[in-house]
Amino acid sequence: MELKNHMEIVVDRMLKVFVEKDPNICTCENCILDVKAYALNHLPPQYFVTEKGEVYTKAKDLTIQFETDVTSVLVQGIEKVKKHPRH
């Protein structure tokens, strides 16, 4: 197994949903990476290296507060990038 950041996996998954639902989000590589970087810099990392660690971090996904926190930060990042795109 390798070192992984569960928060990055969650951000990728949730950002994909936002992009699919909102045609006003720019999908160029710069904008997507800027939103992702913003989110990951504002959320706590959740690293794991074992399957047991992966299961433990996934269990945190089940809380409403976790989903709310990630959603809030993603919305902030999307709005910032919309206002100041780098392309």
PDB file of N, CA and C in Angstrom:
ATOM      1  N   MET A   1       0.847  -1.180   0.000  1.00  0.00           N
ATOM      2  CA  MET A   1       0.000   0.000   0.000  1.00  0.00           C
ATOM      3  C   MET A   1       0.890   1.240   0.000  1.00  0.00           C
ATOM      4  N   GLU A   2       0.354   2.346  -0.408  1.00  0.00           N
ATOM      5  CA  GLU A   2       1.107   3.598  -0.458  1.00  0.00           C
ATOM      6  C   GLU A   2       0.433   4.648   0.411  1.00  0.00           C
ATOM      7  N   LEU A   3       1.165   5.715   0.693  1.00  0.00           N
ATOM      8  CA  LEU A   3       0.628   6.818   1.476  1.00  0.00           C
ATOM      9  C   LEU A   3      -0.406   7.569   0.639  1.00  0.00           C
ATOM     10  N   LYS A   4      -1.602   7.730   1.192  1.00  0.00           N
ATOM     11  CA  LYS A   4      -2.665   8.449   0.490  1.00  0.00           C
ATOM     12  C   LYS A   4      -3.326   9.433   1.446  1.00  0.00           C
ATOM     13  N   ASN A   5      -3.844  10.509   0.875  1.00  0.00           N
ATOM     14  CA  ASN A   5      -4.589  11.498   1.644  1.00  0.00           C
ATOM     15  C   ASN A   5      -6.071  11.292   1.329  1.00  0.00           C
ATOM     16  N   HIS A   6      -6.797  10.777   2.293  1.00  0.00           N
ATOM     17  CA  HIS A   6      -8.218  10.507   2.082  1.00  0.00           C
ATOM     18  C   HIS A   6      -8.980  11.786   1.736  1.00  0.00           C
ATOM     19  N   MET A   7      -8.558  12.905   2.307  1.00  0.00           N
ATOM     20  CA  MET A   7      -9.245  14.164   2.021  1.00  0.00           C
ATOM     21  C   MET A   7      -9.138  14.509   0.537  1.00  0.00           C
ATOM     22  N   GLU A   8      -8.005  14.212  -0.080  1.00  0.00           N
ATOM     23  CA  GLU A   8      -7.847  14.476  -1.513  1.00  0.00           C
ATOM     24  C   GLU A   8      -8.813  13.624  -2.330  1.00  0.00           C
ATOM     25  N   ILE A   9      -8.997  12.390  -1.930  1.00  0.00           N
ATOM     26  CA  ILE A   9      -9.938  11.493  -2.614  1.00  0.00           C
ATOM     27  C   ILE A   9     -11.358  12.047  -2.500  1.00  0.00           C
ATOM     28  N   VAL A  10     -11.724  12.497  -1.311  1.00  0.00           N
ATOM     29  CA  VAL A  10     -13.063  13.051  -1.074  1.00  0.00           C
ATOM     30  C   VAL A  10     -13.263  14.333  -1.881  1.00  0.00           C
ATOM     31  N   VAL A  11     -12.277  15.215  -1.868  1.00  0.00           N
ATOM     32  CA  VAL A  11     -12.375  16.474  -2.617  1.00  0.00           C
ATOM     33  C   VAL A  11     -12.531  16.183  -4.107  1.00  0.00           C
ATOM     34  N   ASP A  12     -11.744  15.259  -4.632  1.00  0.00           N
ATOM     35  CA  ASP A  12     -11.867  14.893  -6.053  1.00  0.00           C
ATOM     36  C   ASP A  12     -13.279  14.414  -6.378  1.00  0.00           C
ATOM     37  N   ARG A  13     -13.799  13.544  -5.524  1.00  0.00           N
ATOM     38  CA  ARG A  13     -15.130  12.974  -5.757  1.00  0.00           C
ATOM     39  C   ARG A  13     -16.220  14.050  -5.698  1.00  0.00           C
ATOM     40  N   MET A  14     -16.156  14.891  -4.684  1.00  0.00           N
ATOM     41  CA  MET A  14     -17.195  15.906  -4.520  1.00  0.00           C
ATOM     42  C   MET A  14     -17.074  17.017  -5.559  1.00  0.00           C
ATOM     43  N   LEU A  15     -15.857  17.373  -5.934  1.00  0.00           N
ATOM     44  CA  LEU A  15     -15.667  18.401  -6.957  1.00  0.00           C
ATOM     45  C   LEU A  15     -16.234  17.933  -8.288  1.00  0.00           C
ATOM     46  N   LYS A  16     -16.065  16.672  -8.584  1.00  0.00           N
ATOM     47  CA  LYS A  16     -16.622  16.109  -9.823  1.00  0.00           C
ATOM     48  C   LYS A  16     -18.142  16.286  -9.852  1.00  0.00           C
ATOM     49  N   VAL A  17     -18.795  16.062  -8.729  1.00  0.00           N
ATOM     50  CA  VAL A  17     -20.252  16.219  -8.641  1.00  0.00           C
ATOM     51  C   VAL A  17     -20.643  17.682  -8.870  1.00  0.00           C
ATOM     52  N   PHE A  18     -19.916  18.606  -8.246  1.00  0.00           N
ATOM     53  CA  PHE A  18     -20.203  20.031  -8.436  1.00  0.00           C
ATOM     54  C   PHE A  18     -20.082  20.413  -9.901  1.00  0.00           C
ATOM     55  N   VAL A  19     -19.022  19.951 -10.548  1.00  0.00           N
ATOM     56  CA  VAL A  19     -18.778  20.286 -11.956  1.00  0.00           C
ATOM     57  C   VAL A  19     -19.883  19.729 -12.848  1.00  0.00           C
ATOM     58  N   GLU A  20     -20.337  18.514 -12.550  1.00  0.00           N
ATOM     59  CA  GLU A  20     -21.406  17.899 -13.346  1.00  0.00           C
ATOM     60  C   GLU A  20     -22.727  18.647 -13.195  1.00  0.00           C
ATOM     61  N   LYS A  21     -22.972  19.226 -12.020  1.00  0.00           N
ATOM     62  CA  LYS A  21     -24.252  19.885 -11.756  1.00  0.00           C
ATOM     63  C   LYS A  21     -24.273  21.366 -12.132  1.00  0.00           C
ATOM     64  N   ASP A  22     -23.106  21.991 -12.238  1.00  0.00           N
ATOM     65  CA  ASP A  22     -23.054  23.432 -12.497  1.00  0.00           C
ATOM     66  C   ASP A  22     -22.258  23.711 -13.771  1.00  0.00           C
ATOM     67  N   PRO A  23     -22.940  24.027 -14.863  1.00  0.00           N
ATOM     68  CA  PRO A  23     -22.240  24.284 -16.124  1.00  0.00           C
ATOM     69  C   PRO A  23     -21.425  25.580 -16.110  1.00  0.00           C
ATOM     70  N   ASN A  24     -21.578  26.401 -15.075  1.00  0.00           N
ATOM     71  CA  ASN A  24     -20.832  27.654 -14.980  1.00  0.00           C
ATOM     72  C   ASN A  24     -19.450  27.495 -14.359  1.00  0.00           C
ATOM     73  N   ILE A  25     -19.118  26.288 -13.926  1.00  0.00           N
ATOM     74  CA  ILE A  25     -17.785  26.034 -13.382  1.00  0.00           C
ATOM     75  C   ILE A  25     -16.857  25.708 -14.542  1.00  0.00           C
ATOM     76  N   CYS A  26     -15.776  26.461 -14.637  1.00  0.00           N
ATOM     77  CA  CYS A  26     -14.799  26.208 -15.698  1.00  0.00           C
ATOM     78  C   CYS A  26     -14.110  24.872 -15.425  1.00  0.00           C
ATOM     79  N   THR A  27     -14.004  24.055 -16.443  1.00  0.00           N
ATOM     80  CA  THR A  27     -13.407  22.729 -16.273  1.00  0.00           C
ATOM     81  C   THR A  27     -11.994  22.641 -16.842  1.00  0.00           C
ATOM     82  N   CYS A  28     -11.380  23.796 -17.122  1.00  0.00           N
ATOM     83  CA  CYS A  28      -9.991  23.735 -17.592  1.00  0.00           C
ATOM     84  C   CYS A  28      -9.113  23.242 -16.438  1.00  0.00           C
ATOM     85  N   GLU A  29      -7.983  22.686 -16.786  1.00  0.00           N
ATOM     86  CA  GLU A  29      -7.103  22.085 -15.779  1.00  0.00           C
ATOM     87  C   GLU A  29      -6.687  23.085 -14.707  1.00  0.00           C
ATOM     88  N   ASN A  30      -6.360  24.322 -15.110  1.00  0.00           N
ATOM     89  CA  ASN A  30      -5.945  25.333 -14.128  1.00  0.00           C
ATOM     90  C   ASN A  30      -7.030  25.602 -13.097  1.00  0.00           C
ATOM     91  N   CYS A  31      -8.251  25.804 -13.546  1.00  0.00           N
ATOM     92  CA  CYS A  31      -9.351  26.127 -12.625  1.00  0.00           C
ATOM     93  C   CYS A  31      -9.663  24.958 -11.693  1.00  0.00           C
ATOM     94  N   ILE A  32      -9.725  23.761 -12.236  1.00  0.00           N
ATOM     95  CA  ILE A  32     -10.012  22.591 -11.399  1.00  0.00           C
ATOM     96  C   ILE A  32      -8.918  22.405 -10.354  1.00  0.00           C
ATOM     97  N   LEU A  33      -7.662  22.523 -10.761  1.00  0.00           N
ATOM     98  CA  LEU A  33      -6.560  22.363  -9.809  1.00  0.00           C
ATOM     99  C   LEU A  33      -6.535  23.487  -8.784  1.00  0.00           C
ATOM    100  N   ASP A  34      -6.907  24.703  -9.177  1.00  0.00           N
ATOM    101  CA  ASP A  34      -6.965  25.810  -8.220  1.00  0.00           C
ATOM    102  C   ASP A  34      -8.045  25.576  -7.166  1.00  0.00           C
ATOM    103  N   VAL A  35      -9.204  25.098  -7.585  1.00  0.00           N
ATOM    104  CA  VAL A  35     -10.275  24.791  -6.626  1.00  0.00           C
ATOM    105  C   VAL A  35      -9.822  23.673  -5.693  1.00  0.00           C
ATOM    106  N   LYS A  36      -9.231  22.646  -6.266  1.00  0.00           N
ATOM    107  CA  LYS A  36      -8.756  21.513  -5.459  1.00  0.00           C
ATOM    108  C   LYS A  36      -7.690  21.969  -4.456  1.00  0.00           C
ATOM    109  N   ALA A  37      -6.740  22.782  -4.905  1.00  0.00           N
ATOM    110  CA  ALA A  37      -5.690  23.279  -4.014  1.00  0.00           C
ATOM    111  C   ALA A  37      -6.285  24.132  -2.900  1.00  0.00           C
ATOM    112  N   TYR A  38      -7.234  24.992  -3.248  1.00  0.00           N
ATOM    113  CA  TYR A  38      -7.892  25.822  -2.237  1.00  0.00           C
ATOM    114  C   TYR A  38      -8.533  24.931  -1.172  1.00  0.00           C
ATOM    115  N   ALA A  39      -9.295  23.952  -1.620  1.00  0.00           N
ATOM    116  CA  ALA A  39     -10.003  23.072  -0.684  1.00  0.00           C
ATOM    117  C   ALA A  39      -9.025  22.313   0.206  1.00  0.00           C
ATOM    118  N   LEU A  40      -8.004  21.729  -0.396  1.00  0.00           N
ATOM    119  CA  LEU A  40      -7.063  20.926   0.389  1.00  0.00           C
ATOM    120  C   LEU A  40      -6.249  21.780   1.357  1.00  0.00           C
ATOM    121  N   ASN A  41      -6.038  23.044   1.034  1.00  0.00           N
ATOM    122  CA  ASN A  41      -5.332  23.936   1.955  1.00  0.00           C
ATOM    123  C   ASN A  41      -6.216  24.414   3.100  1.00  0.00           C
ATOM    124  N   HIS A  42      -7.525  24.241   2.972  1.00  0.00           N
ATOM    125  CA  HIS A  42      -8.453  24.682   4.011  1.00  0.00           C
ATOM    126  C   HIS A  42      -9.118  23.528   4.765  1.00  0.00           C
ATOM    127  N   LEU A  43      -8.756  22.315   4.437  1.00  0.00           N
ATOM    128  CA  LEU A  43      -9.305  21.138   5.115  1.00  0.00           C
ATOM    129  C   LEU A  43      -8.162  20.342   5.740  1.00  0.00           C
ATOM    130  N   PRO A  44      -8.430  19.650   6.842  1.00  0.00           N
ATOM    131  CA  PRO A  44      -7.355  18.868   7.467  1.00  0.00           C
ATOM    132  C   PRO A  44      -7.024  17.620   6.640  1.00  0.00           C
ATOM    133  N   PRO A  45      -5.736  17.321   6.485  1.00  0.00           N
ATOM    134  CA  PRO A  45      -5.376  16.101   5.753  1.00  0.00           C
ATOM    135  C   PRO A  45      -5.755  14.866   6.562  1.00  0.00           C
ATOM    136  N   GLN A  46      -6.005  13.777   5.871  1.00  0.00           N
ATOM    137  CA  GLN A  46      -6.335  12.504   6.525  1.00  0.00           C
ATOM    138  C   GLN A  46      -5.547  11.401   5.821  1.00  0.00           C
ATOM    139  N   TYR A  47      -4.278  11.280   6.198  1.00  0.00           N
ATOM    140  CA  TYR A  47      -3.407  10.313   5.546  1.00  0.00           C
ATOM    141  C   TYR A  47      -3.626   8.914   6.096  1.00  0.00           C
ATOM    142  N   PHE A  48      -3.451   7.933   5.219  1.00  0.00           N
ATOM    143  CA  PHE A  48      -3.494   6.537   5.642  1.00  0.00           C
ATOM    144  C   PHE A  48      -2.538   5.730   4.778  1.00  0.00           C
ATOM    145  N   VAL A  49      -2.079   4.602   5.340  1.00  0.00           N
ATOM    146  CA  VAL A  49      -1.196   3.709   4.581  1.00  0.00           C
ATOM    147  C   VAL A  49      -1.657   2.258   4.627  1.00  0.00           C
ATOM    148  N   THR A  50      -2.591   1.963   5.505  1.00  0.00           N
ATOM    149  CA  THR A  50      -3.077   0.584   5.616  1.00  0.00           C
ATOM    150  C   THR A  50      -4.562   0.528   5.288  1.00  0.00           C
ATOM    151  N   GLU A  51      -5.031  -0.662   5.019  1.00  0.00           N
ATOM    152  CA  GLU A  51      -6.466  -0.832   4.757  1.00  0.00           C
ATOM    153  C   GLU A  51      -7.286  -0.464   5.986  1.00  0.00           C
ATOM    154  N   LYS A  52      -6.772  -0.807   7.166  1.00  0.00           N
ATOM    155  CA  LYS A  52      -7.472  -0.466   8.402  1.00  0.00           C
ATOM    156  C   LYS A  52      -7.580   1.058   8.541  1.00  0.00           C
ATOM    157  N   GLY A  53      -6.508   1.763   8.226  1.00  0.00           N
ATOM    158  CA  GLY A  53      -6.528   3.226   8.269  1.00  0.00           C
ATOM    159  C   GLY A  53      -7.489   3.812   7.258  1.00  0.00           C
ATOM    160  N   GLU A  54      -7.563   3.180   6.090  1.00  0.00           N
ATOM    161  CA  GLU A  54      -8.491   3.645   5.058  1.00  0.00           C
ATOM    162  C   GLU A  54      -9.934   3.491   5.527  1.00  0.00           C
ATOM    163  N   VAL A  55     -10.237   2.364   6.128  1.00  0.00           N
ATOM    164  CA  VAL A  55     -11.595   2.122   6.634  1.00  0.00           C
ATOM    165  C   VAL A  55     -11.936   3.142   7.718  1.00  0.00           C
ATOM    166  N   TYR A  56     -10.978   3.409   8.597  1.00  0.00           N
ATOM    167  CA  TYR A  56     -11.210   4.372   9.675  1.00  0.00           C
ATOM    168  C   TYR A  56     -11.500   5.765   9.116  1.00  0.00           C
ATOM    169  N   THR A  57     -10.711   6.205   8.136  1.00  0.00           N
ATOM    170  CA  THR A  57     -10.935   7.543   7.587  1.00  0.00           C
ATOM    171  C   THR A  57     -12.230   7.606   6.788  1.00  0.00           C
ATOM    172  N   LYS A  58     -12.591   6.516   6.122  1.00  0.00           N
ATOM    173  CA  LYS A  58     -13.863   6.493   5.385  1.00  0.00           C
ATOM    174  C   LYS A  58     -15.054   6.578   6.331  1.00  0.00           C
ATOM    175  N   ALA A  59     -14.910   6.038   7.533  1.00  0.00           N
ATOM    176  CA  ALA A  59     -16.001   6.082   8.507  1.00  0.00           C
ATOM    177  C   ALA A  59     -16.343   7.527   8.864  1.00  0.00           C
ATOM    178  N   LYS A  60     -15.340   8.400   8.847  1.00  0.00           N
ATOM    179  CA  LYS A  60     -15.587   9.817   9.137  1.00  0.00           C
ATOM    180  C   LYS A  60     -16.466  10.465   8.069  1.00  0.00           C
ATOM    181  N   ASP A  61     -16.417   9.933   6.849  1.00  0.00           N
ATOM    182  CA  ASP A  61     -17.239  10.459   5.748  1.00  0.00           C
ATOM    183  C   ASP A  61     -18.725  10.382   6.055  1.00  0.00           C
ATOM    184  N   LEU A  62     -19.090   9.499   6.932  1.00  0.00           N
ATOM    185  CA  LEU A  62     -20.499   9.234   7.182  1.00  0.00           C
ATOM    186  C   LEU A  62     -21.167  10.313   8.028  1.00  0.00           C
ATOM    187  N   THR A  63     -20.392  11.218   8.585  1.00  0.00           N
ATOM    188  CA  THR A  63     -21.001  12.258   9.413  1.00  0.00           C
ATOM    189  C   THR A  63     -21.481  13.415   8.538  1.00  0.00           C
ATOM    190  N   ILE A  64     -22.586  13.974   8.926  1.00  0.00           N
ATOM    191  CA  ILE A  64     -23.143  15.112   8.197  1.00  0.00           C
ATOM    192  C   ILE A  64     -22.195  16.304   8.290  1.00  0.00           C
ATOM    193  N   GLN A  65     -21.558  16.478   9.437  1.00  0.00           N
ATOM    194  CA  GLN A  65     -20.648  17.612   9.616  1.00  0.00           C
ATOM    195  C   GLN A  65     -19.471  17.534   8.654  1.00  0.00           C
ATOM    196  N   PHE A  66     -18.936  16.338   8.445  1.00  0.00           N
ATOM    197  CA  PHE A  66     -17.811  16.161   7.522  1.00  0.00           C
ATOM    198  C   PHE A  66     -18.211  16.600   6.121  1.00  0.00           C
ATOM    199  N   GLU A  67     -19.344  16.117   5.652  1.00  0.00           N
ATOM    200  CA  GLU A  67     -19.812  16.465   4.309  1.00  0.00           C
ATOM    201  C   GLU A  67     -20.092  17.963   4.198  1.00  0.00           C
ATOM    202  N   THR A  68     -20.662  18.535   5.238  1.00  0.00           N
ATOM    203  CA  THR A  68     -20.946  19.969   5.255  1.00  0.00           C
ATOM    204  C   THR A  68     -19.660  20.783   5.181  1.00  0.00           C
ATOM    205  N   ASP A  69     -18.653  20.380   5.938  1.00  0.00           N
ATOM    206  CA  ASP A  69     -17.374  21.095   5.938  1.00  0.00           C
ATOM    207  C   ASP A  69     -16.720  21.065   4.560  1.00  0.00           C
ATOM    208  N   VAL A  70     -16.675  19.889   3.945  1.00  0.00           N
ATOM    209  CA  VAL A  70     -16.051  19.761   2.627  1.00  0.00           C
ATOM    210  C   VAL A  70     -16.846  20.554   1.589  1.00  0.00           C
ATOM    211  N   THR A  71     -18.158  20.453   1.637  1.00  0.00           N
ATOM    212  CA  THR A  71     -19.007  21.188   0.696  1.00  0.00           C
ATOM    213  C   THR A  71     -18.789  22.688   0.826  1.00  0.00           C
ATOM    214  N   SER A  72     -18.758  23.182   2.043  1.00  0.00           N
ATOM    215  CA  SER A  72     -18.578  24.612   2.286  1.00  0.00           C
ATOM    216  C   SER A  72     -17.256  25.114   1.708  1.00  0.00           C
ATOM    217  N   VAL A  73     -16.193  24.383   1.953  1.00  0.00           N
ATOM    218  CA  VAL A  73     -14.880  24.797   1.458  1.00  0.00           C
ATOM    219  C   VAL A  73     -14.822  24.713  -0.063  1.00  0.00           C
ATOM    220  N   LEU A  74     -15.422  23.692  -0.642  1.00  0.00           N
ATOM    221  CA  LEU A  74     -15.446  23.586  -2.104  1.00  0.00           C
ATOM    222  C   LEU A  74     -16.213  24.751  -2.731  1.00  0.00           C
ATOM    223  N   VAL A  75     -17.338  25.116  -2.158  1.00  0.00           N
ATOM    224  CA  VAL A  75     -18.118  26.248  -2.675  1.00  0.00           C
ATOM    225  C   VAL A  75     -17.289  27.531  -2.598  1.00  0.00           C
ATOM    226  N   GLN A  76     -16.592  27.740  -1.489  1.00  0.00           N
ATOM    227  CA  GLN A  76     -15.730  28.916  -1.361  1.00  0.00           C
ATOM    228  C   GLN A  76     -14.657  28.919  -2.448  1.00  0.00           C
ATOM    229  N   GLY A  77     -14.023  27.774  -2.651  1.00  0.00           N
ATOM    230  CA  GLY A  77     -12.978  27.670  -3.667  1.00  0.00           C
ATOM    231  C   GLY A  77     -13.507  27.907  -5.064  1.00  0.00           C
ATOM    232  N   ILE A  78     -14.650  27.341  -5.364  1.00  0.00           N
ATOM    233  CA  ILE A  78     -15.265  27.525  -6.684  1.00  0.00           C
ATOM    234  C   ILE A  78     -15.567  28.999  -6.921  1.00  0.00           C
ATOM    235  N   GLU A  79     -16.127  29.675  -5.924  1.00  0.00           N
ATOM    236  CA  GLU A  79     -16.460  31.095  -6.069  1.00  0.00           C
ATOM    237  C   GLU A  79     -15.208  31.946  -6.262  1.00  0.00           C
ATOM    238  N   LYS A  80     -14.159  31.656  -5.513  1.00  0.00           N
ATOM    239  CA  LYS A  80     -12.910  32.416  -5.661  1.00  0.00           C
ATOM    240  C   LYS A  80     -12.321  32.238  -7.049  1.00  0.00           C
ATOM    241  N   VAL A  81     -12.315  31.006  -7.537  1.00  0.00           N
ATOM    242  CA  VAL A  81     -11.741  30.734  -8.855  1.00  0.00           C
ATOM    243  C   VAL A  81     -12.610  31.346  -9.955  1.00  0.00           C
ATOM    244  N   LYS A  82     -13.932  31.329  -9.771  1.00  0.00           N
ATOM    245  CA  LYS A  82     -14.814  31.977 -10.756  1.00  0.00           C
ATOM    246  C   LYS A  82     -14.502  33.466 -10.861  1.00  0.00           C
ATOM    247  N   LYS A  83     -14.228  34.104  -9.722  1.00  0.00           N
ATOM    248  CA  LYS A  83     -13.956  35.543  -9.707  1.00  0.00           C
ATOM    249  C   LYS A  83     -12.563  35.874 -10.236  1.00  0.00           C
ATOM    250  N   HIS A  84     -11.620  34.957 -10.045  1.00  0.00           N
ATOM    251  CA  HIS A  84     -10.226  35.216 -10.425  1.00  0.00           C
ATOM    252  C   HIS A  84      -9.612  34.007 -11.133  1.00  0.00           C
ATOM    253  N   PRO A  85     -10.131  33.641 -12.300  1.00  0.00           N
ATOM    254  CA  PRO A  85      -9.563  32.482 -13.017  1.00  0.00           C
ATOM    255  C   PRO A  85      -8.162  32.807 -13.553  1.00  0.00           C
ATOM    256  N   ARG A  86      -7.318  31.788 -13.662  1.00  0.00           N
ATOM    257  CA  ARG A  86      -5.947  31.992 -14.149  1.00  0.00           C
ATOM    258  C   ARG A  86      -5.793  31.685 -15.631  1.00  0.00           C
ATOM    259  N   HIS A  87      -6.868  31.478 -16.349  1.00  0.00           N
ATOM    260  CA  HIS A  87      -6.727  31.157 -17.772  1.00  0.00           C
ATOM    261  C   HIS A  87      -6.968  32.362 -18.655  1.00  0.00           C
TER     262      HIS A  87
END
